[in-house]
C-alpha atoms as a PDB file:
ATOM      1  CA  MET A   1      96.987 102.643 129.329  1.00  0.00           C
ATOM      2  CA  ALA A   2      97.680 104.432 125.862  1.00  0.00           C
ATOM      3  CA  ILE A   3      96.894 104.040 122.336  1.00  0.00           C
ATOM      4  CA  TYR A   4     100.159 104.713 120.013  1.00  0.00           C
ATOM      5  CA  TYR A   5      99.750 106.601 116.540  1.00  0.00           C
ATOM      6  CA  ASP A   6     101.863 108.385 114.189  1.00  0.00           C
ATOM      7  CA  MET A   7     101.275 110.639 111.558  1.00  0.00           C
ATOM      8  CA  TYR A   8     101.096 110.276 107.567  1.00  0.00           C
ATOM      9  CA  GLN A   9     100.855 112.914 104.802  1.00  0.00           C
ATOM     10  CA  SER A  10      98.598 112.225 102.140  1.00  0.00           C
ATOM     11  CA  PRO A  11      99.316 112.808  98.423  1.00  0.00           C
ATOM     12  CA  GLN A  12      98.704 116.136  97.099  1.00  0.00           C
ATOM     13  CA  PRO A  13      96.685 116.894  94.280  1.00  0.00           C
ATOM     14  CA  GLU A  14      98.644 119.319  91.869  1.00  0.00           C
ATOM     15  CA  GLY A  15      98.267 122.759  92.800  1.00  0.00           C
ATOM     16  CA  GLU A  16      97.097 122.131  96.306  1.00  0.00           C
ATOM     17  CA  LYS A  17      99.518 123.599  98.893  1.00  0.00           C
ATOM     18  CA  LYS A  18      97.937 122.668 102.256  1.00  0.00           C
ATOM     19  CA  GLU A  19      99.464 119.739 103.577  1.00  0.00           C
ATOM     20  CA  LYS A  20      96.968 117.103 104.868  1.00  0.00           C
ATOM     21  CA  LEU A  21      97.796 114.701 107.456  1.00  0.00           C
ATOM     22  CA  TYR A  22      95.944 111.628 108.867  1.00  0.00           C
ATOM     23  CA  ALA A  23      96.530 109.400 112.194  1.00  0.00           C
ATOM     24  CA  ARG A  24      97.394 105.689 112.024  1.00  0.00           C
ATOM     25  CA  VAL A  25      97.320 103.318 115.103  1.00  0.00           C
ATOM     26  CA  LYS A  26     100.605 101.664 115.746  1.00  0.00           C
ATOM     27  CA  SER A  27      99.769  98.606 117.657  1.00  0.00           C
ATOM     28  CA  ILE A  28     102.511  97.457 120.309  1.00  0.00           C
ATOM     29  CA  ARG A  29     101.858  93.831 119.251  1.00  0.00           C
ATOM     30  CA  THR A  30      99.059  91.030 118.563  1.00  0.00           C
ATOM     31  CA  LEU A  31      97.159  89.850 121.717  1.00  0.00           C
ATOM     32  CA  THR A  32      96.998  86.216 120.899  1.00  0.00           C
ATOM     33  CA  THR A  33      93.734  83.950 121.777  1.00  0.00           C
ATOM     34  CA  ASP A  34      95.528  82.324 124.521  1.00  0.00           C
ATOM     35  CA  GLU A  35      96.441  85.543 126.227  1.00  0.00           C
ATOM     36  CA  LEU A  36      92.957  86.907 125.979  1.00  0.00           C
ATOM     37  CA  MET A  37      91.641  83.746 127.407  1.00  0.00           C
ATOM     38  CA  LYS A  38      94.119  84.006 130.427  1.00  0.00           C
ATOM     39  CA  ARG A  39      92.820  87.528 130.952  1.00  0.00           C
ATOM     40  CA  VAL A  40      89.357  86.318 130.547  1.00  0.00           C
ATOM     41  CA  ILE A  41      89.438  83.612 133.091  1.00  0.00           C
ATOM     42  CA  ASP A  42      91.482  85.519 135.686  1.00  0.00           C
ATOM     43  CA  GLY A  43      89.402  85.793 138.717  1.00  0.00           C
ATOM     44  CA  THR A  44      86.910  83.267 137.669  1.00  0.00           C
ATOM     45  CA  HIS A  45      86.200  79.376 137.959  1.00  0.00           C
ATOM     46  CA  LEU A  46      86.757  79.075 134.347  1.00  0.00           C
ATOM     47  CA  THR A  47      89.368  76.823 133.096  1.00  0.00           C
ATOM     48  CA  LYS A  48      91.255  77.748 129.593  1.00  0.00           C
ATOM     49  CA  THR A  49      89.681  75.278 128.074  1.00  0.00           C
ATOM     50  CA  GLN A  50      85.970  76.179 128.893  1.00  0.00           C
ATOM     51  CA  ALA A  51      86.642  79.715 127.989  1.00  0.00           C
ATOM     52  CA  ARG A  52      87.808  78.512 124.663  1.00  0.00           C
ATOM     53  CA  PHE A  53      84.759  76.488 123.922  1.00  0.00           C
ATOM     54  CA  VAL A  54      82.762  79.413 124.847  1.00  0.00           C
ATOM     55  CA  LEU A  55      84.572  81.664 122.678  1.00  0.00           C
ATOM     56  CA  GLY A  56      84.555  79.175 119.706  1.00  0.00           C
ATOM     57  CA  ARG A  57      80.553  78.722 120.021  1.00  0.00           C
ATOM     58  CA  VAL A  58      80.183  82.543 119.930  1.00  0.00           C
ATOM     59  CA  VAL A  59      82.319  83.205 116.882  1.00  0.00           C
ATOM     60  CA  ASP A  60      80.526  80.261 115.240  1.00  0.00           C
ATOM     61  CA  GLU A  61      76.989  81.676 115.950  1.00  0.00           C
ATOM     62  CA  LEU A  62      78.141  85.031 114.979  1.00  0.00           C
ATOM     63  CA  LYS A  63      79.279  83.863 111.500  1.00  0.00           C
ATOM     64  CA  THR A  64      75.827  81.593 111.039  1.00  0.00           C
ATOM     65  CA  ALA A  65      73.786  84.827 112.335  1.00  0.00           C
ATOM     66  CA  VAL A  66      75.660  86.951 109.704  1.00  0.00           C
ATOM     67  CA  ALA A  67      75.217  84.272 106.992  1.00  0.00           C
ATOM     68  CA  GLN A  68      71.480  84.243 107.964  1.00  0.00           C
ATOM     69  CA  GLY A  69      70.962  88.284 107.144  1.00  0.00           C
ATOM     70  CA  PHE A  70      70.846  89.154 110.842  1.00  0.00           C
ATOM     71  CA  ARG A  71      72.813  92.032 112.301  1.00  0.00           C
ATOM     72  CA  ILE A  72      73.964  91.037 115.928  1.00  0.00           C
ATOM     73  CA  HIS A  73      73.943  92.939 118.664  1.00  0.00           C
ATOM     74  CA  VAL A  74      76.221  92.184 121.978  1.00  0.00           C
ATOM     75  CA  ASP A  75      75.311  94.199 125.017  1.00  0.00           C
ATOM     76  CA  GLU A  76      77.809  96.724 126.125  1.00  0.00           C
ATOM     77  CA  LEU A  77      80.100  96.256 122.989  1.00  0.00           C
ATOM     78  CA  GLY A  78      78.205  97.001 120.007  1.00  0.00           C
ATOM     79  CA  TYR A  79      76.892  95.825 116.489  1.00  0.00           C
ATOM     80  CA  PHE A  80      78.334  93.157 113.932  1.00  0.00           C
ATOM     81  CA  LEU A  81      76.809  93.364 110.495  1.00  0.00           C
ATOM     82  CA  PRO A  82      78.279  92.271 107.264  1.00  0.00           C
ATOM     83  CA  GLN A  83      80.072  94.426 104.626  1.00  0.00           C
ATOM     84  CA  ILE A  84      79.372  93.853 100.947  1.00  0.00           C
ATOM     85  CA  THR A  85      81.210  94.902  97.849  1.00  0.00           C
ATOM     86  CA  ALA A  86      79.782  95.117  94.048  1.00  0.00           C
ATOM     87  CA  PHE A  87      82.277  93.684  91.620  1.00  0.00           C
ATOM     88  CA  PRO A  88      82.025  94.875  87.994  1.00  0.00           C
ATOM     89  CA  PRO A  89      80.864  91.862  85.533  1.00  0.00           C
ATOM     90  CA  LYS A  90      83.480  89.717  84.237  1.00  0.00           C
ATOM     91  CA  ASN A  91      82.397  89.521  80.753  1.00  0.00           C
ATOM     92  CA  HIS A  92      80.056  91.691  78.324  1.00  0.00           C
ATOM     93  CA  ARG A  93      77.376  89.065  78.395  1.00  0.00           C
ATOM     94  CA  SER A  94      76.552  89.849  82.123  1.00  0.00           C
ATOM     95  CA  LYS A  95      75.278  93.395  82.756  1.00  0.00           C
ATOM     96  CA  SER A  96      74.885  92.866  86.579  1.00  0.00           C
ATOM     97  CA  PRO A  97      77.479  93.262  89.238  1.00  0.00           C
ATOM     98  CA  LYS A  98      78.418  90.433  91.274  1.00  0.00           C
ATOM     99  CA  VAL A  99      77.897  91.401  95.068  1.00  0.00           C
ATOM    100  CA  CYS A 100      79.475  89.651  97.741  1.00  0.00           C
ATOM    101  CA  ALA A 101      80.102  89.719 101.519  1.00  0.00           C
ATOM    102  CA  THR A 102      83.470  90.809 101.869  1.00  0.00           C
ATOM    103  CA  GLY A 103      83.880  91.485 105.556  1.00  0.00           C
ATOM    104  CA  LEU A 104      82.270  92.420 109.000  1.00  0.00           C
ATOM    105  CA  ASN A 105      81.538  95.757 110.211  1.00  0.00           C
ATOM    106  CA  PHE A 106      81.580  96.639 113.718  1.00  0.00           C
ATOM    107  CA  VAL A 107      79.621  99.669 115.146  1.00  0.00           C
ATOM    108  CA  PRO A 108      80.526 100.250 118.803  1.00  0.00           C
ATOM    109  CA  GLU A 109      77.905 101.015 121.323  1.00  0.00           C
ATOM    110  CA  LYS A 110      78.026 104.846 122.724  1.00  0.00           C
ATOM    111  CA  GLU A 111      79.345 103.892 125.987  1.00  0.00           C
ATOM    112  CA  VAL A 112      82.314 102.036 124.119  1.00  0.00           C
ATOM    113  CA  LYS A 113      82.835 105.240 121.986  1.00  0.00           C
ATOM    114  CA  GLN A 114      83.172 107.410 125.362  1.00  0.00           C
ATOM    115  CA  TYR A 115      85.700 104.849 127.007  1.00  0.00           C
ATOM    116  CA  LEU A 116      87.847 104.966 123.770  1.00  0.00           C
ATOM    117  CA  MET A 117      87.896 108.736 123.649  1.00  0.00           C
ATOM    118  CA  SER A 118      88.750 108.782 127.333  1.00  0.00           C
ATOM    119  CA  ILE A 119      91.911 106.769 126.421  1.00  0.00           C
ATOM    120  CA  ASN A 120      95.290 108.758 126.208  1.00  0.00           C
ATOM    121  CA  THR A 121      97.174 108.830 122.785  1.00  0.00           C
ATOM    122  CA  VAL A 122     100.826 108.954 122.377  1.00  0.00           C
ATOM    123  CA  ARG A 123     102.503 109.898 119.112  1.00  0.00           C
ATOM    124  CA  THR A 124     105.300 107.747 118.208  1.00  0.00           C
ATOM    125  CA  VAL A 125     108.324 109.723 117.043  1.00  0.00           C
ATOM    126  CA  ASN A 126     110.741 109.321 114.279  1.00  0.00           C
ATOM    127  CA  MET A 127     114.165 109.500 115.942  1.00  0.00           C
ATOM    128  CA  HIS A 128     117.976 109.124 115.041  1.00  0.00           C
ATOM    129  CA  HIS A 129     119.583 105.814 115.038  1.00  0.00           C
ATOM    130  CA  ALA A 130     122.193 106.985 117.406  1.00  0.00           C
ATOM    131  CA  VAL A 131     121.530 106.860 121.251  1.00  0.00           C
ATOM    132  CA  ASN A 132     122.826 110.003 121.692  1.00  0.00           C
ATOM    133  CA  GLY A 133     120.420 111.564 119.293  1.00  0.00           C
ATOM    134  CA  ILE A 134     117.429 110.168 120.783  1.00  0.00           C
ATOM    135  CA  ASP A 135     114.971 112.294 122.873  1.00  0.00           C
ATOM    136  CA  LYS A 136     115.249 110.013 125.924  1.00  0.00           C
ATOM    137  CA  THR A 137     112.421 112.009 127.805  1.00  0.00           C
ATOM    138  CA  ALA A 138     110.062 110.851 125.249  1.00  0.00           C
ATOM    139  CA  LEU A 139     111.242 107.530 125.346  1.00  0.00           C
ATOM    140  CA  ASP A 140     111.138 107.368 129.085  1.00  0.00           C
ATOM    141  CA  ASN A 141     107.526 108.284 128.867  1.00  0.00           C
ATOM    142  CA  ALA A 142     106.622 105.777 126.596  1.00  0.00           C
ATOM    143  CA  LEU A 143     108.477 103.087 128.169  1.00  0.00           C
ATOM    144  CA  ARG A 144     106.693 103.916 131.318  1.00  0.00           C
ATOM    145  CA  THR A 145     103.387 103.957 130.029  1.00  0.00           C
ATOM    146  CA  CYS A 146     104.111 100.440 128.366  1.00  0.00           C
ATOM    147  CA  LEU A 147     105.125  98.882 131.492  1.00  0.00           C
ATOM    148  CA  GLU A 148     102.097 100.353 133.593  1.00  0.00           C
ATOM    149  CA  GLN A 149      99.969  98.664 130.905  1.00  0.00           C
ATOM    150  CA  GLU A 150     101.949  95.238 130.465  1.00  0.00           C
ATOM    151  CA  GLN A 151     104.208  95.068 133.588  1.00  0.00           C
ATOM    152  CA  THR A 152     106.885  93.653 131.331  1.00  0.00           C
ATOM    153  CA  ILE A 153     108.445  94.420 128.268  1.00  0.00           C
ATOM    154  CA  THR A 154     110.980  93.115 125.752  1.00  0.00           C
ATOM    155  CA  ARG A 155     113.091  95.055 123.360  1.00  0.00           C
ATOM    156  CA  ARG A 156     110.915  93.685 120.468  1.00  0.00           C
ATOM    157  CA  HIS A 157     107.752  94.951 122.165  1.00  0.00           C
ATOM    158  CA  PHE A 158     109.096  98.273 122.602  1.00  0.00           C
ATOM    159  CA  GLN A 159     110.379  98.456 118.835  1.00  0.00           C
ATOM    160  CA  PHE A 160     106.677  98.553 117.775  1.00  0.00           C
ATOM    161  CA  VAL A 161     106.387 101.871 119.527  1.00  0.00           C
ATOM    162  CA  TYR A 162     109.682 103.213 118.020  1.00  0.00           C
ATOM    163  CA  PRO A 163     110.130 101.273 114.669  1.00  0.00           C
ATOM    164  CA  ASP A 164     112.456 103.944 113.423  1.00  0.00           C
ATOM    165  CA  ILE A 165     115.053 103.193 116.066  1.00  0.00           C
ATOM    166  CA  SER A 166     117.471 100.753 114.858  1.00  0.00           C
ATOM    167  CA  ARG A 167     117.784  97.652 116.834  1.00  0.00           C
ATOM    168  CA  THR A 168     121.234  98.219 118.228  1.00  0.00           C
ATOM    169  CA  SER A 169     120.286 101.550 119.481  1.00  0.00           C
ATOM    170  CA  LEU A 170     117.200 100.413 121.506  1.00  0.00           C
ATOM    171  CA  CYS A 171     119.196  97.610 123.179  1.00  0.00           C
ATOM    172  CA  ASN A 172     122.001 100.261 124.026  1.00  0.00           C
ATOM    173  CA  TYR A 173     119.037 102.332 125.595  1.00  0.00           C
ATOM    174  CA  LEU A 174     117.268  99.736 127.499  1.00  0.00           C
ATOM    175  CA  ARG A 175     120.571  98.508 128.583  1.00  0.00           C
ATOM    176  CA  GLN A 176     121.359 102.302 130.011  1.00  0.00           C
ATOM    177  CA  CYS A 177     117.974 102.021 131.529  1.00  0.00           C
ATOM    178  CA  VAL A 178     118.751  98.608 133.631  1.00  0.00           C
ATOM    179  CA  GLU A 179     122.229 100.298 134.835  1.00  0.00           C
ATOM    180  CA  GLN A 180     120.424 103.575 135.907  1.00  0.00           C
ATOM    181  CA  GLY A 181     117.935 101.393 137.999  1.00  0.00           C
ATOM    182  CA  LYS A 182     114.994 102.496 135.811  1.00  0.00           C
ATOM    183  CA  LEU A 183     114.416  98.603 134.499  1.00  0.00           C
ATOM    184  CA  ARG A 184     115.436  95.288 135.808  1.00  0.00           C
ATOM    185  CA  ASN A 185     116.181  92.239 133.710  1.00  0.00           C
ATOM    186  CA  ILE A 186     114.196  89.244 135.057  1.00  0.00           C
ATOM    187  CA  GLY A 187     114.977  87.282 131.769  1.00  0.00           C
ATOM    188  CA  THR A 188     118.384  86.229 130.410  1.00  0.00           C
ATOM    189  CA  LYS A 189     121.318  88.146 128.823  1.00  0.00           C
ATOM    190  CA  ASN A 190     120.308  86.705 125.554  1.00  0.00           C
ATOM    191  CA  ALA A 191     116.736  87.022 125.849  1.00  0.00           C
ATOM    192  CA  PRO A 192     116.063  90.143 128.463  1.00  0.00           C
ATOM    193  CA  VAL A 193     112.603  90.647 129.768  1.00  0.00           C
ATOM    194  CA  TYR A 194     112.154  94.060 131.498  1.00  0.00           C
ATOM    195  CA  VAL A 195     110.045  95.047 134.553  1.00  0.00           C
ATOM    196  CA  ALA A 196     110.254  98.305 136.359  1.00  0.00           C
ATOM    197  CA  GLY A 197     113.475  98.820 138.510  1.00  0.00           C
ATOM    198  CA  LYS A 198     113.912 100.523 141.860  1.00  0.00           C
ATOM    199  CA  GLU A 199     113.981 103.959 140.261  1.00  0.00           C
ATOM    200  CA  TRP A 200     110.728 103.526 138.708  1.00  0.00           C
ATOM    201  CA  SER A 201     109.003 101.451 141.584  1.00  0.00           C
ATOM    202  CA  LYS A 202     109.277 104.511 144.036  1.00  0.00           C
END
């Protein structure tokens, strides 16, 4: 498992020479509700319909409790509480700002923070568009990490990790991996889905 990120440079005030960088998470993709429900029911006697019903009830009660002024605590996860924002008056007659709830904040439990700290982080690297210019070792490592996490991978999925590589170059790289036995295509020629090949299954 790994969390992917990239580094960005903040705009510098005039006269400041020191470079300021900040990290931003680069999600592989969005895990849908159906996919989450499938993970939840694995190894249980629940059906997907039952799991979705329970999730729906949890969401409804979470929204109701927030609207009633509660701070919600979920064991082994953390706290949910509303985020409020003060907006300036719309006209000169109103002196008080308008305060509205604009979001939901989440504060993780200490154990959750420790778990997150233990997860590997992998930086995505800006690559050249030509396959010959790509650091293939870095690509191989990132690809194997994705396969360990998801078991299968598509070109579109891997594009999230390396968005600066052109679609054509990435397709060529994945095709080379198949030829070298690193990957095996279990999909179709026009819609390939890759799993680890013999070379990476040893």
